[in-house]
Every structure is written in structure tokens, then in C-alpha cells.
PDB file of all heavy atoms in Angstrom:
ATOM      1  N   MET A   1       0.845  -1.267  -0.030  1.00  0.00           N
ATOM      2  CA  MET A   1      -0.005   0.005   0.032  1.00  0.00           C
ATOM      3  C   MET A   1       0.914   1.199   0.017  1.00  0.00           C
ATOM      4  O   MET A   1       1.708   1.404   0.857  1.00  0.00           O
ATOM      5  CB  MET A   1      -0.954   0.038   1.185  1.00  0.00           C
ATOM      6  CG  MET A   1      -1.600  -1.264   1.491  1.00  0.00           C
ATOM      7  SD  MET A   1      -2.644  -1.847   0.162  1.00  0.00           S
ATOM      8  CE  MET A   1      -3.116  -3.533   0.714  1.00  0.00           C
ATOM      9  N   LYS A   2       0.651   2.050  -0.992  1.00  0.00           N
ATOM     10  CA  LYS A   2       1.580   3.284  -1.077  1.00  0.00           C
ATOM     11  C   LYS A   2       0.775   4.591  -0.843  1.00  0.00           C
ATOM     12  O   LYS A   2       1.320   5.698  -0.922  1.00  0.00           O
ATOM     13  CB  LYS A   2       2.165   3.318  -2.480  1.00  0.00           C
ATOM     14  CG  LYS A   2       3.199   2.175  -2.577  1.00  0.00           C
ATOM     15  CD  LYS A   2       3.944   2.338  -3.975  1.00  0.00           C
ATOM     16  CE  LYS A   2       4.980   1.226  -4.117  1.00  0.00           C
ATOM     17  NZ  LYS A   2       5.696   1.325  -5.434  1.00  0.00           N
ATOM     18  N   GLU A   3      -0.577   4.490  -0.764  1.00  0.00           N
ATOM     19  CA  GLU A   3      -1.377   5.754  -0.620  1.00  0.00           C
ATOM     20  C   GLU A   3      -2.376   5.656   0.420  1.00  0.00           C
ATOM     21  O   GLU A   3      -2.750   4.566   0.874  1.00  0.00           O
ATOM     22  CB  GLU A   3      -2.059   6.035  -2.032  1.00  0.00           C
ATOM     23  CG  GLU A   3      -1.127   6.349  -3.145  1.00  0.00           C
ATOM     24  CD  GLU A   3      -1.882   6.530  -4.466  1.00  0.00           C
ATOM     25  OE1 GLU A   3      -3.173   6.475  -4.437  1.00  0.00           O
ATOM     26  OE2 GLU A   3      -1.254   6.692  -5.482  1.00  0.00           O
ATOM     27  N   GLY A   4      -2.799   6.759   0.928  1.00  0.00           N
ATOM     28  CA  GLY A   4      -3.843   6.820   1.946  1.00  0.00           C
ATOM     29  C   GLY A   4      -3.376   6.292   3.296  1.00  0.00           C
ATOM     30  O   GLY A   4      -2.178   6.222   3.631  1.00  0.00           O
ATOM     31  N   ARG A   5      -4.435   5.905   4.177  1.00  0.00           N
ATOM     32  CA  ARG A   5      -4.112   5.526   5.504  1.00  0.00           C
ATOM     33  C   ARG A   5      -3.403   4.084   5.595  1.00  0.00           C
ATOM     34  O   ARG A   5      -2.930   3.740   6.580  1.00  0.00           O
ATOM     35  CB  ARG A   5      -5.429   5.439   6.367  1.00  0.00           C
ATOM     36  CG  ARG A   5      -6.440   4.599   5.767  1.00  0.00           C
ATOM     37  CD  ARG A   5      -7.718   4.645   6.529  1.00  0.00           C
ATOM     38  NE  ARG A   5      -8.712   3.798   5.948  1.00  0.00           N
ATOM     39  CZ  ARG A   5      -9.883   3.665   6.451  1.00  0.00           C
ATOM     40  NH1 ARG A   5     -10.280   4.388   7.623  1.00  0.00           N
ATOM     41  NH2 ARG A   5     -10.819   2.846   5.879  1.00  0.00           N
ATOM     42  N   MET A   6      -3.531   3.395   4.475  1.00  0.00           N
ATOM     43  CA  MET A   6      -2.881   2.122   4.402  1.00  0.00           C
ATOM     44  C   MET A   6      -1.453   2.137   3.928  1.00  0.00           C
ATOM     45  O   MET A   6      -0.708   1.167   3.860  1.00  0.00           O
ATOM     46  CB  MET A   6      -3.602   1.193   3.451  1.00  0.00           C
ATOM     47  CG  MET A   6      -5.011   0.860   3.889  1.00  0.00           C
ATOM     48  SD  MET A   6      -5.092  -0.218   5.244  1.00  0.00           S
ATOM     49  CE  MET A   6      -4.641  -1.726   4.626  1.00  0.00           C
ATOM     50  N   LYS A   7      -0.948   3.373   3.780  1.00  0.00           N
ATOM     51  CA  LYS A   7       0.443   3.626   3.368  1.00  0.00           C
ATOM     52  C   LYS A   7       1.438   2.953   4.432  1.00  0.00           C
ATOM     53  O   LYS A   7       1.178   3.109   5.600  1.00  0.00           O
ATOM     54  CB  LYS A   7       0.651   5.035   3.161  1.00  0.00           C
ATOM     55  CG  LYS A   7       1.995   5.349   2.420  1.00  0.00           C
ATOM     56  CD  LYS A   7       2.036   6.872   2.265  1.00  0.00           C
ATOM     57  CE  LYS A   7       3.431   7.177   1.374  1.00  0.00           C
ATOM     58  NZ  LYS A   7       3.563   8.597   1.255  1.00  0.00           N
ATOM     59  N   GLY A   8       2.496   2.293   3.906  1.00  0.00           N
ATOM     60  CA  GLY A   8       3.407   1.765   4.784  1.00  0.00           C
ATOM     61  C   GLY A   8       3.103   0.431   5.310  1.00  0.00           C
ATOM     62  O   GLY A   8       3.650  -0.169   6.201  1.00  0.00           O
ATOM     63  N   GLN A   9       2.087  -0.196   4.569  1.00  0.00           N
ATOM     64  CA  GLN A   9       1.631  -1.565   5.007  1.00  0.00           C
ATOM     65  C   GLN A   9       1.586  -2.410   3.755  1.00  0.00           C
ATOM     66  O   GLN A   9       1.537  -2.047   2.706  1.00  0.00           O
ATOM     67  CB  GLN A   9       0.312  -1.506   5.614  1.00  0.00           C
ATOM     68  CG  GLN A   9       0.147  -0.604   6.833  1.00  0.00           C
ATOM     69  CD  GLN A   9      -1.254  -0.450   7.322  1.00  0.00           C
ATOM     70  OE1 GLN A   9      -1.994  -1.375   7.530  1.00  0.00           O
ATOM     71  NE2 GLN A   9      -1.606   0.875   7.509  1.00  0.00           N
ATOM     72  N   ALA A  10       1.737  -3.796   4.013  1.00  0.00           N
ATOM     73  CA  ALA A  10       1.639  -4.715   2.886  1.00  0.00           C
ATOM     74  C   ALA A  10       1.046  -5.976   3.300  1.00  0.00           C
ATOM     75  O   ALA A  10       1.111  -6.419   4.483  1.00  0.00           O
ATOM     76  CB  ALA A  10       3.147  -4.901   2.423  1.00  0.00           C
ATOM     77  N   PHE A  11       0.517  -6.660   2.346  1.00  0.00           N
ATOM     78  CA  PHE A  11      -0.047  -8.013   2.529  1.00  0.00           C
ATOM     79  C   PHE A  11       0.776  -9.045   1.613  1.00  0.00           C
ATOM     80  O   PHE A  11       0.847  -8.682   0.400  1.00  0.00           O
ATOM     81  CB  PHE A  11      -1.572  -8.106   2.218  1.00  0.00           C
ATOM     82  CG  PHE A  11      -2.399  -7.381   3.323  1.00  0.00           C
ATOM     83  CD1 PHE A  11      -2.776  -6.038   3.128  1.00  0.00           C
ATOM     84  CD2 PHE A  11      -2.838  -8.012   4.434  1.00  0.00           C
ATOM     85  CE1 PHE A  11      -3.415  -5.297   4.051  1.00  0.00           C
ATOM     86  CE2 PHE A  11      -3.571  -7.401   5.399  1.00  0.00           C
ATOM     87  CZ  PHE A  11      -3.833  -6.041   5.241  1.00  0.00           C
ATOM     88  N   ILE A  12       1.235 -10.054   2.081  1.00  0.00           N
ATOM     89  CA  ILE A  12       2.084 -11.018   1.394  1.00  0.00           C
ATOM     90  C   ILE A  12       1.479 -12.359   1.486  1.00  0.00           C
ATOM     91  O   ILE A  12       1.325 -12.953   2.593  1.00  0.00           O
ATOM     92  CB  ILE A  12       3.548 -10.919   1.871  1.00  0.00           C
ATOM     93  CG1 ILE A  12       4.009  -9.614   1.603  1.00  0.00           C
ATOM     94  CG2 ILE A  12       4.375 -11.911   1.010  1.00  0.00           C
ATOM     95  CD1 ILE A  12       5.392  -9.247   2.417  1.00  0.00           C
ATOM     96  N   GLY A  13       1.091 -12.945   0.307  1.00  0.00           N
ATOM     97  CA  GLY A  13       0.587 -14.373   0.315  1.00  0.00           C
ATOM     98  C   GLY A  13       1.743 -15.290   0.063  1.00  0.00           C
ATOM     99  O   GLY A  13       2.480 -15.157  -0.953  1.00  0.00           O
ATOM    100  N   LEU A  14       1.781 -16.279   0.882  1.00  0.00           N
ATOM    101  CA  LEU A  14       2.807 -17.305   0.826  1.00  0.00           C
ATOM    102  C   LEU A  14       2.277 -18.656   0.494  1.00  0.00           C
ATOM    103  O   LEU A  14       1.067 -18.839   0.715  1.00  0.00           O
ATOM    104  CB  LEU A  14       3.717 -17.377   2.100  1.00  0.00           C
ATOM    105  CG  LEU A  14       4.639 -16.034   2.270  1.00  0.00           C
ATOM    106  CD1 LEU A  14       5.236 -15.989   3.719  1.00  0.00           C
ATOM    107  CD2 LEU A  14       5.824 -16.020   1.349  1.00  0.00           C
ATOM    108  N   PRO A  15       3.107 -19.583   0.027  1.00  0.00           N
ATOM    109  CA  PRO A  15       2.502 -20.826  -0.494  1.00  0.00           C
ATOM    110  C   PRO A  15       1.724 -21.633   0.648  1.00  0.00           C
ATOM    111  O   PRO A  15       0.813 -22.326   0.245  1.00  0.00           O
ATOM    112  CB  PRO A  15       3.844 -21.722  -0.873  1.00  0.00           C
ATOM    113  CG  PRO A  15       4.820 -20.614  -1.139  1.00  0.00           C
ATOM    114  CD  PRO A  15       4.514 -19.472  -0.204  1.00  0.00           C
ATOM    115  N   ASN A  16       2.183 -21.658   1.875  1.00  0.00           N
ATOM    116  CA  ASN A  16       1.463 -22.368   2.928  1.00  0.00           C
ATOM    117  C   ASN A  16       1.778 -21.660   4.250  1.00  0.00           C
ATOM    118  O   ASN A  16       2.496 -20.786   4.494  1.00  0.00           O
ATOM    119  CB  ASN A  16       1.949 -23.749   2.949  1.00  0.00           C
ATOM    120  CG  ASN A  16       3.479 -23.952   2.976  1.00  0.00           C
ATOM    121  OD1 ASN A  16       4.174 -23.462   3.895  1.00  0.00           O
ATOM    122  ND2 ASN A  16       4.061 -24.535   1.907  1.00  0.00           N
ATOM    123  N   GLU A  17       1.067 -22.316   5.306  1.00  0.00           N
ATOM    124  CA  GLU A  17       1.154 -21.709   6.650  1.00  0.00           C
ATOM    125  C   GLU A  17       2.462 -21.880   7.236  1.00  0.00           C
ATOM    126  O   GLU A  17       2.908 -20.983   8.033  1.00  0.00           O
ATOM    127  CB  GLU A  17       0.053 -22.528   7.527  1.00  0.00           C
ATOM    128  CG  GLU A  17      -0.184 -21.829   8.848  1.00  0.00           C
ATOM    129  CD  GLU A  17      -1.278 -22.613   9.587  1.00  0.00           C
ATOM    130  OE1 GLU A  17      -2.407 -22.667   9.174  1.00  0.00           O
ATOM    131  OE2 GLU A  17      -0.906 -23.251  10.556  1.00  0.00           O
ATOM    132  N   LYS A  18       3.131 -22.963   6.958  1.00  0.00           N
ATOM    133  CA  LYS A  18       4.529 -23.148   7.393  1.00  0.00           C
ATOM    134  C   LYS A  18       5.525 -22.130   6.913  1.00  0.00           C
ATOM    135  O   LYS A  18       6.254 -21.665   7.728  1.00  0.00           O
ATOM    136  CB  LYS A  18       5.026 -24.575   7.009  1.00  0.00           C
ATOM    137  CG  LYS A  18       6.376 -25.026   7.607  1.00  0.00           C
ATOM    138  CD  LYS A  18       6.754 -26.371   7.002  1.00  0.00           C
ATOM    139  CE  LYS A  18       8.161 -26.781   7.639  1.00  0.00           C
ATOM    140  NZ  LYS A  18       8.555 -28.063   7.170  1.00  0.00           N
ATOM    141  N   ALA A  19       5.466 -21.818   5.621  1.00  0.00           N
ATOM    142  CA  ALA A  19       6.305 -20.803   5.106  1.00  0.00           C
ATOM    143  C   ALA A  19       6.066 -19.313   5.726  1.00  0.00           C
ATOM    144  O   ALA A  19       6.898 -18.515   6.005  1.00  0.00           O
ATOM    145  CB  ALA A  19       6.120 -20.753   3.563  1.00  0.00           C
ATOM    146  N   ALA A  20       4.672 -19.157   5.987  1.00  0.00           N
ATOM    147  CA  ALA A  20       4.316 -17.818   6.529  1.00  0.00           C
ATOM    148  C   ALA A  20       4.852 -17.712   7.942  1.00  0.00           C
ATOM    149  O   ALA A  20       5.254 -16.668   8.463  1.00  0.00           O
ATOM    150  CB  ALA A  20       2.752 -17.674   6.432  1.00  0.00           C
ATOM    151  N   ALA A  21       4.724 -18.889   8.707  1.00  0.00           N
ATOM    152  CA  ALA A  21       5.187 -18.877  10.123  1.00  0.00           C
ATOM    153  C   ALA A  21       6.681 -18.679  10.170  1.00  0.00           C
ATOM    154  O   ALA A  21       7.189 -17.884  11.076  1.00  0.00           O
ATOM    155  CB  ALA A  21       4.815 -20.199  10.773  1.00  0.00           C
ATOM    156  N   LYS A  22       7.439 -19.251   9.220  1.00  0.00           N
ATOM    157  CA  LYS A  22       8.837 -19.121   9.298  1.00  0.00           C
ATOM    158  C   LYS A  22       9.263 -17.671   8.835  1.00  0.00           C
ATOM    159  O   LYS A  22      10.192 -17.039   9.443  1.00  0.00           O
ATOM    160  CB  LYS A  22       9.467 -20.001   8.286  1.00  0.00           C
ATOM    161  CG  LYS A  22      10.989 -20.059   8.381  1.00  0.00           C
ATOM    162  CD  LYS A  22      11.542 -21.178   7.394  1.00  0.00           C
ATOM    163  CE  LYS A  22      13.171 -21.188   7.569  1.00  0.00           C
ATOM    164  NZ  LYS A  22      13.713 -22.065   6.591  1.00  0.00           N
ATOM    165  N   ALA A  23       8.559 -17.102   7.841  1.00  0.00           N
ATOM    166  CA  ALA A  23       8.792 -15.638   7.456  1.00  0.00           C
ATOM    167  C   ALA A  23       8.434 -14.721   8.694  1.00  0.00           C
ATOM    168  O   ALA A  23       9.223 -13.771   8.878  1.00  0.00           O
ATOM    169  CB  ALA A  23       7.810 -15.366   6.283  1.00  0.00           C
ATOM    170  N   LEU A  24       7.429 -14.922   9.385  1.00  0.00           N
ATOM    171  CA  LEU A  24       7.090 -14.039  10.444  1.00  0.00           C
ATOM    172  C   LEU A  24       8.158 -14.141  11.559  1.00  0.00           C
ATOM    173  O   LEU A  24       8.561 -13.138  12.122  1.00  0.00           O
ATOM    174  CB  LEU A  24       5.742 -14.485  11.147  1.00  0.00           C
ATOM    175  CG  LEU A  24       5.156 -13.674  12.249  1.00  0.00           C
ATOM    176  CD1 LEU A  24       3.653 -13.679  12.172  1.00  0.00           C
ATOM    177  CD2 LEU A  24       5.611 -14.264  13.584  1.00  0.00           C
ATOM    178  N   LYS A  25       8.631 -15.313  11.826  1.00  0.00           N
ATOM    179  CA  LYS A  25       9.583 -15.531  12.923  1.00  0.00           C
ATOM    180  C   LYS A  25      10.885 -14.858  12.517  1.00  0.00           C
ATOM    181  O   LYS A  25      11.560 -14.186  13.430  1.00  0.00           O
ATOM    182  CB  LYS A  25       9.825 -17.042  13.107  1.00  0.00           C
ATOM    183  CG  LYS A  25      10.834 -17.356  14.213  1.00  0.00           C
ATOM    184  CD  LYS A  25      11.058 -18.841  14.330  1.00  0.00           C
ATOM    185  CE  LYS A  25      12.173 -19.180  15.353  1.00  0.00           C
ATOM    186  NZ  LYS A  25      12.417 -20.589  15.338  1.00  0.00           N
ATOM    187  N   GLU A  26      11.319 -15.070  11.262  1.00  0.00           N
ATOM    188  CA  GLU A  26      12.717 -14.515  10.886  1.00  0.00           C
ATOM    189  C   GLU A  26      12.641 -13.079  10.384  1.00  0.00           C
ATOM    190  O   GLU A  26      13.746 -12.368  10.615  1.00  0.00           O
ATOM    191  CB  GLU A  26      13.147 -15.381   9.694  1.00  0.00           C
ATOM    192  CG  GLU A  26      13.481 -16.788  10.201  1.00  0.00           C
ATOM    193  CD  GLU A  26      14.042 -17.657   9.097  1.00  0.00           C
ATOM    194  OE1 GLU A  26      14.188 -17.176   7.903  1.00  0.00           O
ATOM    195  OE2 GLU A  26      14.271 -18.860   9.366  1.00  0.00           O
ATOM    196  N   ALA A  27      11.606 -12.468   9.944  1.00  0.00           N
ATOM    197  CA  ALA A  27      11.548 -11.144   9.471  1.00  0.00           C
ATOM    198  C   ALA A  27      10.990 -10.124  10.391  1.00  0.00           C
ATOM    199  O   ALA A  27      11.140  -8.955  10.109  1.00  0.00           O
ATOM    200  CB  ALA A  27      10.850 -11.149   8.135  1.00  0.00           C
ATOM    201  N   ASN A  28      10.249 -10.597  11.421  1.00  0.00           N
ATOM    202  CA  ASN A  28       9.668  -9.555  12.317  1.00  0.00           C
ATOM    203  C   ASN A  28      10.756  -8.870  12.958  1.00  0.00           C
ATOM    204  O   ASN A  28      11.691  -9.407  13.631  1.00  0.00           O
ATOM    205  CB  ASN A  28       8.806 -10.269  13.427  1.00  0.00           C
ATOM    206  CG  ASN A  28       8.110  -9.325  14.365  1.00  0.00           C
ATOM    207  OD1 ASN A  28       7.557  -8.234  13.752  1.00  0.00           O
ATOM    208  ND2 ASN A  28       8.090  -9.645  15.556  1.00  0.00           N
TER     209      ASN A  28
END
């Protein structure tokens, strides 16, 4: 999101829950 009140936010779809959990753990 680059405009409005959602600016500075993003939604990322990953292949599965395991990949998302690993991404959250390592990138947060």
C-alpha cells in the first residue's frame, strides 16, 4: 500500500502456513 491511511503496510501471500510462520519468525 503506497497511498492513503494504508500507506506503509503490505499483505504478502505465501505458499502455505509453514512458510508464513517461518517468514514471520525470521523477518519480524
